[in-house]
Amino acid sequence: MWFYWAIKNVVLMNKIVASIKIYPEDVIISKDQLKEAVGKALPVEASLYKIEEDPIAFGLVALIAHIVLPETGGDELNKIEEILRKVNGVSEVETLLVRRI
């Protein structure tokens, strides 16, 4: 009985890492302020692992946010994308990769 309980809890505690590309609205938007705003906008169950900068063209730099989420089998990734789209200064959001950890 205990063995079953332990395996059941391990299965329920899976997490995923989503790599999400965040495009700023304009070149004049501060990357540091955008990074801070993205970190603050995430819900409690999601945590920001790291943010990388990805130069696009002519001074425009996109951010790639690696976000750790619990794997609930629902639409948690869609909710995160919607939250990030509402951040001030964000033009578009694109999910690049989702993997289980």
Protein backbone atom coordinates (compact mmCIF):
# COMPACT_ATOMS: atom_id res chain seq x y z
CA MET A 1 0.00 0.00 0.00
CA TRP A 2 2.75 2.46 0.90
CA PHE A 3 4.61 1.71 -2.34
CA TYR A 4 1.51 2.54 -4.40
CA TRP A 5 1.06 5.83 -2.52
CA ALA A 6 4.69 6.81 -3.12
CA ILE A 7 4.48 6.07 -6.87
CA LYS A 8 1.15 7.90 -7.15
CA ASN A 9 2.65 11.02 -5.52
CA VAL A 10 5.73 10.94 -7.76
CA VAL A 11 3.55 10.83 -10.86
CA LEU A 12 1.48 13.79 -9.65
CA MET A 13 4.54 15.94 -8.96
CA ASN A 14 5.81 16.11 -12.57
CA LYS A 15 6.91 19.48 -13.82
CA ILE A 16 7.43 20.91 -17.27
CA VAL A 17 9.71 23.64 -18.59
CA ALA A 18 8.29 25.84 -21.30
CA SER A 19 10.61 27.98 -23.41
CA ILE A 20 8.57 30.97 -24.52
CA LYS A 21 9.80 33.70 -26.89
CA ILE A 22 8.53 37.16 -25.97
CA TYR A 23 8.65 39.89 -28.61
CA PRO A 24 8.72 43.52 -27.39
CA GLU A 25 6.50 46.17 -28.95
CA ASP A 26 9.37 48.50 -29.81
CA VAL A 27 13.15 48.97 -29.66
CA ILE A 28 12.86 51.65 -26.98
CA ILE A 29 11.38 49.24 -24.42
CA SER A 30 13.93 48.42 -21.73
CA LYS A 31 14.89 44.73 -21.66
CA ASP A 32 15.44 44.87 -17.92
CA GLN A 33 12.01 46.36 -17.23
CA LEU A 34 10.40 43.77 -19.51
CA LYS A 35 12.23 40.94 -17.72
CA GLU A 36 11.03 42.25 -14.37
CA ALA A 37 7.44 42.65 -15.60
CA VAL A 38 7.39 39.08 -16.97
CA GLY A 39 8.66 37.69 -13.66
CA LYS A 40 6.03 39.60 -11.67
CA ALA A 41 3.17 38.62 -13.99
CA LEU A 42 3.59 34.87 -13.55
CA PRO A 43 1.15 33.07 -11.24
CA VAL A 44 2.30 31.52 -7.96
CA GLU A 45 2.52 27.95 -9.33
CA ALA A 46 4.88 29.02 -12.14
CA SER A 47 8.48 30.02 -11.59
CA LEU A 48 10.93 31.74 -13.89
CA TYR A 49 14.04 29.59 -14.34
CA LYS A 50 15.96 32.03 -16.54
CA ILE A 51 15.58 34.59 -19.32
CA GLU A 52 17.84 34.76 -22.36
CA GLU A 53 18.12 37.56 -24.90
CA ASP A 54 17.70 36.77 -28.61
CA PRO A 55 18.70 39.59 -31.01
CA ILE A 56 16.29 39.88 -33.93
CA ALA A 57 17.31 42.88 -36.04
CA PHE A 58 18.34 46.53 -35.79
CA GLY A 59 18.43 46.68 -32.00
CA LEU A 60 15.24 44.70 -31.44
CA VAL A 61 15.84 41.97 -28.87
CA ALA A 62 13.34 39.23 -28.02
CA LEU A 63 13.40 37.46 -24.68
CA ILE A 64 13.29 33.70 -24.26
CA ALA A 65 11.77 32.88 -20.88
CA HIS A 66 12.22 29.38 -19.46
CA ILE A 67 9.27 28.85 -17.13
CA VAL A 68 8.78 25.87 -14.79
CA LEU A 69 5.16 24.75 -14.37
CA PRO A 70 3.42 21.84 -12.68
CA GLU A 71 2.14 19.28 -15.19
CA THR A 72 -1.55 19.08 -14.42
CA GLY A 73 -2.75 17.81 -17.78
CA GLY A 74 -4.78 20.96 -18.32
CA ASP A 75 -4.22 24.11 -20.28
CA GLU A 76 -1.72 25.74 -17.91
CA LEU A 77 0.55 26.71 -20.81
CA ASN A 78 -2.27 28.56 -22.59
CA LYS A 79 -2.97 30.49 -19.40
CA ILE A 80 0.70 31.48 -19.10
CA GLU A 81 0.74 32.68 -22.72
CA GLU A 82 -2.37 34.81 -22.14
CA ILE A 83 -0.84 36.33 -19.00
CA LEU A 84 2.38 37.17 -20.85
CA ARG A 85 0.48 38.75 -23.78
CA LYS A 86 -1.15 41.17 -21.31
CA VAL A 87 2.19 42.41 -19.94
CA ASN A 88 2.82 46.05 -20.84
CA GLY A 89 5.38 46.26 -23.66
CA VAL A 90 4.83 42.74 -25.05
CA SER A 91 3.87 42.50 -28.70
CA GLU A 92 3.68 38.74 -29.28
CA VAL A 93 4.35 35.48 -27.44
CA GLU A 94 5.49 32.23 -29.07
CA THR A 95 6.02 28.86 -27.38
CA LEU A 96 9.25 27.35 -28.68
CA LEU A 97 9.64 24.17 -26.66
CA VAL A 98 7.94 22.27 -23.84
CA ARG A 99 9.69 19.45 -22.03
CA ARG A 100 9.15 17.39 -18.92
CA ILE A 101 11.65 17.54 -16.08
